């Protein structure tokens, strides 16, 4: 089981959401690095480590996967199946496997993507 982070999870950490910080810390203490991809980094990275210290710390302890041609193609096929257009969300779902948890500010957007991907994940909302 892996924890996958969308942009909302990073923004929650940046805003000091103690529940999200504790949840991620628990994963790390269990020896599991959270996972995300480069598209999410592009959504949240604005000022560098000096301006976004909590985000920089979280990124340092996160397995950031490439949004390469293979992942992009899989995300595109999933978008075609759902009739949606958010490649970043679709790629997050494509990174997941059955039993994973996705920490997200967009659980409604991800439900249809996960269903169409045939992946059974837990969508954990953040605010």
N, C-alpha and C. Protein backbone atom coordinates (compact mmCIF):
# COMPACT_ATOMS: atom_id res chain seq x y z
N UNK A 1 0.84 -1.18 0.00
CA UNK A 1 0.00 0.00 0.00
C UNK A 1 0.88 1.24 0.00
N UNK A 2 0.52 2.20 -0.83
CA UNK A 2 1.26 3.46 -0.91
C UNK A 2 0.32 4.63 -0.68
N UNK A 3 0.88 5.73 -0.26
CA UNK A 3 0.17 6.99 -0.14
C UNK A 3 0.58 7.86 -1.31
N UNK A 4 -0.40 8.29 -2.08
CA UNK A 4 -0.15 9.12 -3.25
C UNK A 4 -0.68 10.52 -2.95
N UNK A 5 0.12 11.53 -3.26
CA UNK A 5 -0.21 12.92 -2.92
C UNK A 5 -0.57 13.72 -4.15
N UNK A 6 -1.71 14.43 -4.09
CA UNK A 6 -2.02 15.39 -5.13
C UNK A 6 -1.62 16.78 -4.65
N UNK A 7 -1.84 17.78 -5.47
CA UNK A 7 -1.44 19.14 -5.13
C UNK A 7 -2.09 19.61 -3.84
N UNK A 8 -3.33 19.22 -3.61
CA UNK A 8 -4.03 19.64 -2.40
C UNK A 8 -3.35 19.18 -1.14
N UNK A 9 -2.73 18.00 -1.17
CA UNK A 9 -2.01 17.51 0.00
C UNK A 9 -0.80 18.40 0.30
N UNK A 10 -0.07 18.78 -0.75
CA UNK A 10 1.08 19.66 -0.55
C UNK A 10 0.64 21.02 -0.03
N UNK A 11 -0.45 21.55 -0.58
CA UNK A 11 -0.94 22.86 -0.13
C UNK A 11 -1.44 22.79 1.30
N UNK A 12 -2.04 21.68 1.70
CA UNK A 12 -2.47 21.52 3.09
C UNK A 12 -1.27 21.55 4.03
N UNK A 13 -0.19 20.88 3.64
CA UNK A 13 1.04 20.91 4.45
C UNK A 13 1.58 22.33 4.50
N UNK A 14 1.60 23.00 3.37
CA UNK A 14 2.10 24.38 3.32
C UNK A 14 1.29 25.29 4.24
N UNK A 15 -0.01 25.02 4.34
CA UNK A 15 -0.89 25.83 5.17
C UNK A 15 -0.95 25.37 6.62
N UNK A 16 -0.14 24.38 6.97
CA UNK A 16 -0.03 23.94 8.36
C UNK A 16 -1.14 23.03 8.84
N UNK A 17 -1.77 22.29 7.94
CA UNK A 17 -2.84 21.37 8.33
C UNK A 17 -2.23 20.23 9.15
N UNK A 18 -2.44 20.25 10.44
CA UNK A 18 -1.81 19.29 11.35
C UNK A 18 -2.24 17.86 11.09
N UNK A 19 -3.50 17.67 10.69
CA UNK A 19 -3.98 16.31 10.41
C UNK A 19 -3.24 15.71 9.22
N UNK A 20 -3.06 16.51 8.18
CA UNK A 20 -2.36 16.02 6.99
C UNK A 20 -0.89 15.77 7.31
N UNK A 21 -0.27 16.68 8.03
CA UNK A 21 1.14 16.50 8.42
C UNK A 21 1.29 15.23 9.24
N UNK A 22 0.40 14.99 10.19
CA UNK A 22 0.48 13.79 11.03
C UNK A 22 0.26 12.53 10.21
N UNK A 23 -0.66 12.58 9.27
CA UNK A 23 -0.94 11.42 8.43
C UNK A 23 0.30 11.04 7.62
N UNK A 24 0.92 12.04 7.00
CA UNK A 24 2.12 11.80 6.19
C UNK A 24 3.28 11.34 7.07
N UNK A 25 3.41 11.94 8.24
CA UNK A 25 4.47 11.52 9.17
C UNK A 25 4.29 10.06 9.56
N UNK A 26 3.05 9.65 9.77
CA UNK A 26 2.79 8.25 10.10
C UNK A 26 3.23 7.31 8.99
N UNK A 27 3.02 7.70 7.76
CA UNK A 27 3.47 6.89 6.62
C UNK A 27 4.99 6.77 6.62
N UNK A 28 5.65 7.88 6.83
CA UNK A 28 7.12 7.86 6.85
C UNK A 28 7.66 7.01 7.99
N UNK A 29 7.03 7.13 9.15
CA UNK A 29 7.47 6.32 10.30
C UNK A 29 7.26 4.83 10.04
N UNK A 30 6.29 4.50 9.21
CA UNK A 30 6.05 3.10 8.84
C UNK A 30 6.99 2.65 7.72
N UNK A 31 7.88 3.54 7.30
CA UNK A 31 8.86 3.19 6.28
C UNK A 31 8.35 3.32 4.86
N UNK A 32 7.24 4.05 4.67
CA UNK A 32 6.67 4.22 3.33
C UNK A 32 6.80 5.68 2.90
N UNK A 33 7.46 5.90 1.78
CA UNK A 33 7.55 7.25 1.22
C UNK A 33 6.29 7.54 0.43
N UNK A 34 5.71 8.72 0.61
CA UNK A 34 4.59 9.07 -0.25
C UNK A 34 5.07 9.22 -1.69
N UNK A 35 4.13 9.10 -2.62
CA UNK A 35 4.44 9.14 -4.06
C UNK A 35 3.66 10.28 -4.70
N UNK A 36 4.26 10.92 -5.68
CA UNK A 36 3.59 11.89 -6.54
C UNK A 36 4.29 11.87 -7.88
N UNK A 37 3.96 12.79 -8.75
CA UNK A 37 4.67 12.89 -10.03
C UNK A 37 5.01 14.35 -10.32
N UNK A 38 5.84 14.55 -11.32
CA UNK A 38 6.35 15.88 -11.65
C UNK A 38 5.28 16.89 -12.01
N UNK A 39 4.16 16.46 -12.55
CA UNK A 39 3.07 17.39 -12.85
C UNK A 39 2.51 18.04 -11.61
N UNK A 40 2.42 17.28 -10.53
CA UNK A 40 1.96 17.83 -9.26
C UNK A 40 2.97 18.85 -8.75
N UNK A 41 4.25 18.55 -8.88
CA UNK A 41 5.28 19.50 -8.44
C UNK A 41 5.11 20.82 -9.19
N UNK A 42 4.83 20.74 -10.48
CA UNK A 42 4.60 21.96 -11.26
C UNK A 42 3.39 22.75 -10.78
N UNK A 43 2.40 22.06 -10.26
CA UNK A 43 1.21 22.75 -9.75
C UNK A 43 1.46 23.48 -8.44
N UNK A 44 2.39 22.99 -7.63
CA UNK A 44 2.52 23.56 -6.29
C UNK A 44 3.79 24.37 -6.06
N UNK A 45 4.81 24.21 -6.89
CA UNK A 45 6.10 24.86 -6.64
C UNK A 45 6.07 26.28 -7.18
N UNK A 46 6.24 27.27 -6.30
CA UNK A 46 6.15 28.66 -6.72
C UNK A 46 7.35 29.52 -6.35
N UNK A 47 7.99 29.28 -5.22
CA UNK A 47 9.00 30.23 -4.81
C UNK A 47 10.29 29.64 -4.34
N UNK A 48 10.41 28.36 -4.37
CA UNK A 48 11.63 27.75 -3.89
C UNK A 48 11.57 27.47 -2.40
N UNK A 49 12.61 26.85 -1.93
CA UNK A 49 12.66 26.37 -0.55
C UNK A 49 12.51 27.50 0.48
N UNK A 50 13.01 28.67 0.19
CA UNK A 50 12.93 29.76 1.16
C UNK A 50 11.50 30.21 1.39
N UNK A 51 10.68 30.19 0.35
CA UNK A 51 9.30 30.64 0.45
C UNK A 51 8.33 29.50 0.77
N UNK A 52 8.73 28.29 0.49
CA UNK A 52 7.84 27.15 0.65
C UNK A 52 8.54 26.03 1.44
N UNK A 53 9.07 26.38 2.59
CA UNK A 53 9.84 25.41 3.38
C UNK A 53 9.07 24.11 3.67
N UNK A 54 7.81 24.17 4.09
CA UNK A 54 7.11 22.90 4.35
C UNK A 54 6.97 22.05 3.09
N UNK A 55 6.71 22.68 1.97
CA UNK A 55 6.58 21.95 0.71
C UNK A 55 7.93 21.36 0.31
N UNK A 56 8.99 22.13 0.47
CA UNK A 56 10.33 21.64 0.13
C UNK A 56 10.69 20.42 0.99
N UNK A 57 10.37 20.47 2.29
CA UNK A 57 10.65 19.33 3.17
C UNK A 57 9.85 18.11 2.74
N UNK A 58 8.57 18.32 2.42
CA UNK A 58 7.74 17.20 1.99
C UNK A 58 8.27 16.62 0.68
N UNK A 59 8.66 17.45 -0.25
CA UNK A 59 9.21 16.96 -1.52
C UNK A 59 10.48 16.14 -1.31
N UNK A 60 11.31 16.56 -0.35
CA UNK A 60 12.55 15.83 -0.08
C UNK A 60 12.29 14.41 0.41
N UNK A 61 11.13 14.19 1.01
CA UNK A 61 10.80 12.86 1.52
C UNK A 61 9.71 12.19 0.72
N UNK A 62 9.59 12.56 -0.55
CA UNK A 62 8.56 12.00 -1.43
C UNK A 62 9.21 11.38 -2.65
N UNK A 63 8.68 10.25 -3.08
CA UNK A 63 9.12 9.60 -4.31
C UNK A 63 8.40 10.29 -5.47
N UNK A 64 9.11 11.19 -6.15
CA UNK A 64 8.52 11.94 -7.25
C UNK A 64 8.82 11.20 -8.55
N UNK A 65 7.76 10.69 -9.16
CA UNK A 65 7.89 9.93 -10.40
C UNK A 65 7.84 10.87 -11.60
N UNK A 66 8.48 10.43 -12.68
CA UNK A 66 8.46 11.21 -13.91
C UNK A 66 7.09 11.12 -14.57
N UNK A 67 6.63 12.24 -15.08
CA UNK A 67 5.45 12.23 -15.94
C UNK A 67 6.00 12.11 -17.35
N UNK A 68 6.40 10.89 -17.67
CA UNK A 68 7.07 10.61 -18.95
C UNK A 68 6.05 10.17 -20.00
N UNK A 69 6.54 9.75 -21.16
CA UNK A 69 5.66 9.37 -22.26
C UNK A 69 4.75 8.20 -21.88
N UNK A 70 5.26 7.21 -21.18
CA UNK A 70 4.45 6.06 -20.81
C UNK A 70 3.31 6.46 -19.87
N UNK A 71 3.64 7.18 -18.81
CA UNK A 71 2.61 7.61 -17.88
C UNK A 71 1.63 8.57 -18.56
N UNK A 72 2.16 9.44 -19.40
CA UNK A 72 1.30 10.36 -20.13
C UNK A 72 0.32 9.65 -21.05
N UNK A 73 0.78 8.60 -21.71
CA UNK A 73 -0.11 7.83 -22.59
C UNK A 73 -1.19 7.13 -21.78
N UNK A 74 -0.80 6.51 -20.68
CA UNK A 74 -1.80 5.82 -19.84
C UNK A 74 -2.82 6.83 -19.29
N UNK A 75 -2.34 8.00 -18.89
CA UNK A 75 -3.24 9.03 -18.39
C UNK A 75 -4.18 9.52 -19.50
N UNK A 76 -3.66 9.65 -20.70
CA UNK A 76 -4.48 10.09 -21.82
C UNK A 76 -5.57 9.09 -22.16
N UNK A 77 -5.24 7.82 -22.15
CA UNK A 77 -6.25 6.77 -22.41
C UNK A 77 -7.34 6.84 -21.35
N UNK A 78 -6.95 7.04 -20.09
CA UNK A 78 -7.93 7.14 -19.02
C UNK A 78 -8.80 8.38 -19.19
N UNK A 79 -8.21 9.48 -19.59
CA UNK A 79 -8.99 10.69 -19.85
C UNK A 79 -10.01 10.45 -20.96
N UNK A 80 -9.58 9.75 -21.99
CA UNK A 80 -10.50 9.43 -23.08
C UNK A 80 -11.67 8.58 -22.62
N UNK A 81 -11.40 7.65 -21.70
CA UNK A 81 -12.44 6.77 -21.20
C UNK A 81 -13.44 7.51 -20.31
N UNK A 82 -12.98 8.56 -19.64
CA UNK A 82 -13.85 9.29 -18.71
C UNK A 82 -14.42 10.56 -19.29
N UNK A 83 -13.87 11.02 -20.41
CA UNK A 83 -14.33 12.27 -20.98
C UNK A 83 -13.92 13.48 -20.16
N UNK A 84 -12.84 13.33 -19.40
CA UNK A 84 -12.33 14.44 -18.59
C UNK A 84 -11.02 14.95 -19.18
N UNK A 85 -10.44 15.98 -18.57
CA UNK A 85 -9.28 16.61 -19.20
C UNK A 85 -8.10 16.88 -18.28
N UNK A 86 -8.16 16.52 -17.00
CA UNK A 86 -7.08 16.85 -16.08
C UNK A 86 -6.02 15.75 -16.08
N UNK A 87 -4.96 15.97 -16.86
CA UNK A 87 -3.92 14.96 -17.00
C UNK A 87 -3.16 14.72 -15.69
N UNK A 88 -3.05 15.73 -14.84
CA UNK A 88 -2.34 15.57 -13.57
C UNK A 88 -3.10 14.60 -12.68
N UNK A 89 -4.41 14.78 -12.55
CA UNK A 89 -5.22 13.86 -11.75
C UNK A 89 -5.20 12.45 -12.35
N UNK A 90 -5.35 12.38 -13.65
CA UNK A 90 -5.37 11.08 -14.32
C UNK A 90 -4.06 10.34 -14.11
N UNK A 91 -2.95 11.03 -14.20
CA UNK A 91 -1.64 10.40 -13.99
C UNK A 91 -1.49 9.91 -12.56
N UNK A 92 -2.05 10.63 -11.58
CA UNK A 92 -2.01 10.17 -10.19
C UNK A 92 -2.73 8.83 -10.06
N UNK A 93 -3.90 8.74 -10.67
CA UNK A 93 -4.65 7.49 -10.61
C UNK A 93 -3.86 6.39 -11.32
N UNK A 94 -3.21 6.72 -12.41
CA UNK A 94 -2.42 5.71 -13.14
C UNK A 94 -1.22 5.23 -12.34
N UNK A 95 -0.74 6.02 -11.40
CA UNK A 95 0.35 5.60 -10.52
C UNK A 95 -0.12 4.63 -9.45
N UNK A 96 -1.40 4.64 -9.18
CA UNK A 96 -1.92 3.86 -8.06
C UNK A 96 -2.20 2.41 -8.44
N UNK A 97 -2.22 1.58 -7.40
CA UNK A 97 -2.61 0.17 -7.53
C UNK A 97 -3.65 -0.10 -6.45
N UNK A 98 -4.33 -1.22 -6.58
CA UNK A 98 -5.35 -1.58 -5.59
C UNK A 98 -4.79 -1.48 -4.18
N UNK A 99 -5.55 -0.85 -3.30
CA UNK A 99 -5.16 -0.72 -1.90
C UNK A 99 -4.44 0.56 -1.55
N UNK A 100 -4.03 1.33 -2.56
CA UNK A 100 -3.35 2.60 -2.29
C UNK A 100 -4.33 3.62 -1.75
N UNK A 101 -3.77 4.66 -1.14
CA UNK A 101 -4.55 5.80 -0.66
C UNK A 101 -4.08 7.03 -1.41
N UNK A 102 -5.03 7.84 -1.84
CA UNK A 102 -4.70 9.10 -2.51
C UNK A 102 -5.20 10.23 -1.62
N UNK A 103 -4.27 11.05 -1.16
CA UNK A 103 -4.58 12.22 -0.34
C UNK A 103 -4.86 13.36 -1.30
N UNK A 104 -6.12 13.82 -1.36
CA UNK A 104 -6.52 14.72 -2.43
C UNK A 104 -7.50 15.79 -1.98
N UNK A 105 -7.44 16.93 -2.63
CA UNK A 105 -8.44 17.98 -2.45
C UNK A 105 -9.55 17.83 -3.49
N UNK A 106 -9.43 16.84 -4.38
CA UNK A 106 -10.40 16.63 -5.46
C UNK A 106 -10.95 15.20 -5.47
N UNK A 107 -11.48 14.70 -4.35
CA UNK A 107 -11.93 13.30 -4.37
C UNK A 107 -13.03 13.05 -5.40
N UNK A 108 -13.90 14.00 -5.62
CA UNK A 108 -14.99 13.80 -6.58
C UNK A 108 -14.43 13.63 -7.98
N UNK A 109 -13.40 14.41 -8.33
CA UNK A 109 -12.78 14.30 -9.66
C UNK A 109 -12.08 12.95 -9.85
N UNK A 110 -11.54 12.41 -8.76
CA UNK A 110 -10.76 11.18 -8.88
C UNK A 110 -11.60 9.91 -8.83
N UNK A 111 -12.82 9.99 -8.30
CA UNK A 111 -13.66 8.80 -8.18
C UNK A 111 -13.89 8.16 -9.54
N UNK A 112 -14.31 8.94 -10.51
CA UNK A 112 -14.60 8.41 -11.84
C UNK A 112 -13.34 7.90 -12.52
N UNK A 113 -12.24 8.61 -12.33
CA UNK A 113 -10.97 8.16 -12.92
C UNK A 113 -10.57 6.80 -12.35
N UNK A 114 -10.63 6.66 -11.03
CA UNK A 114 -10.25 5.39 -10.40
C UNK A 114 -11.19 4.26 -10.83
N UNK A 115 -12.48 4.56 -10.89
CA UNK A 115 -13.45 3.54 -11.29
C UNK A 115 -13.14 3.06 -12.72
N UNK A 116 -12.92 4.00 -13.61
CA UNK A 116 -12.64 3.64 -15.00
C UNK A 116 -11.29 2.94 -15.17
N UNK A 117 -10.36 3.23 -14.27
CA UNK A 117 -9.06 2.56 -14.32
C UNK A 117 -9.15 1.15 -13.74
N UNK A 118 -10.25 0.86 -13.05
CA UNK A 118 -10.40 -0.44 -12.41
C UNK A 118 -9.53 -0.58 -11.18
N UNK A 119 -9.17 0.55 -10.59
CA UNK A 119 -8.30 0.56 -9.43
C UNK A 119 -9.11 0.86 -8.18
N UNK A 120 -8.95 0.03 -7.17
CA UNK A 120 -9.66 0.21 -5.91
C UNK A 120 -8.74 0.93 -4.93
N UNK A 121 -8.95 2.24 -4.82
CA UNK A 121 -8.13 3.08 -3.95
C UNK A 121 -9.03 3.79 -2.94
N UNK A 122 -8.43 4.20 -1.84
CA UNK A 122 -9.12 5.03 -0.87
C UNK A 122 -8.77 6.49 -1.17
N UNK A 123 -9.79 7.29 -1.37
CA UNK A 123 -9.59 8.71 -1.62
C UNK A 123 -9.80 9.44 -0.30
N UNK A 124 -8.73 10.03 0.20
CA UNK A 124 -8.77 10.71 1.50
C UNK A 124 -8.79 12.22 1.24
N UNK A 125 -9.92 12.87 1.59
CA UNK A 125 -10.03 14.30 1.29
C UNK A 125 -9.21 15.16 2.24
N UNK A 126 -8.63 16.22 1.68
CA UNK A 126 -7.98 17.27 2.45
C UNK A 126 -8.66 18.58 2.10
N UNK A 127 -8.60 19.53 3.01
CA UNK A 127 -9.26 20.83 2.76
C UNK A 127 -8.26 21.94 2.72
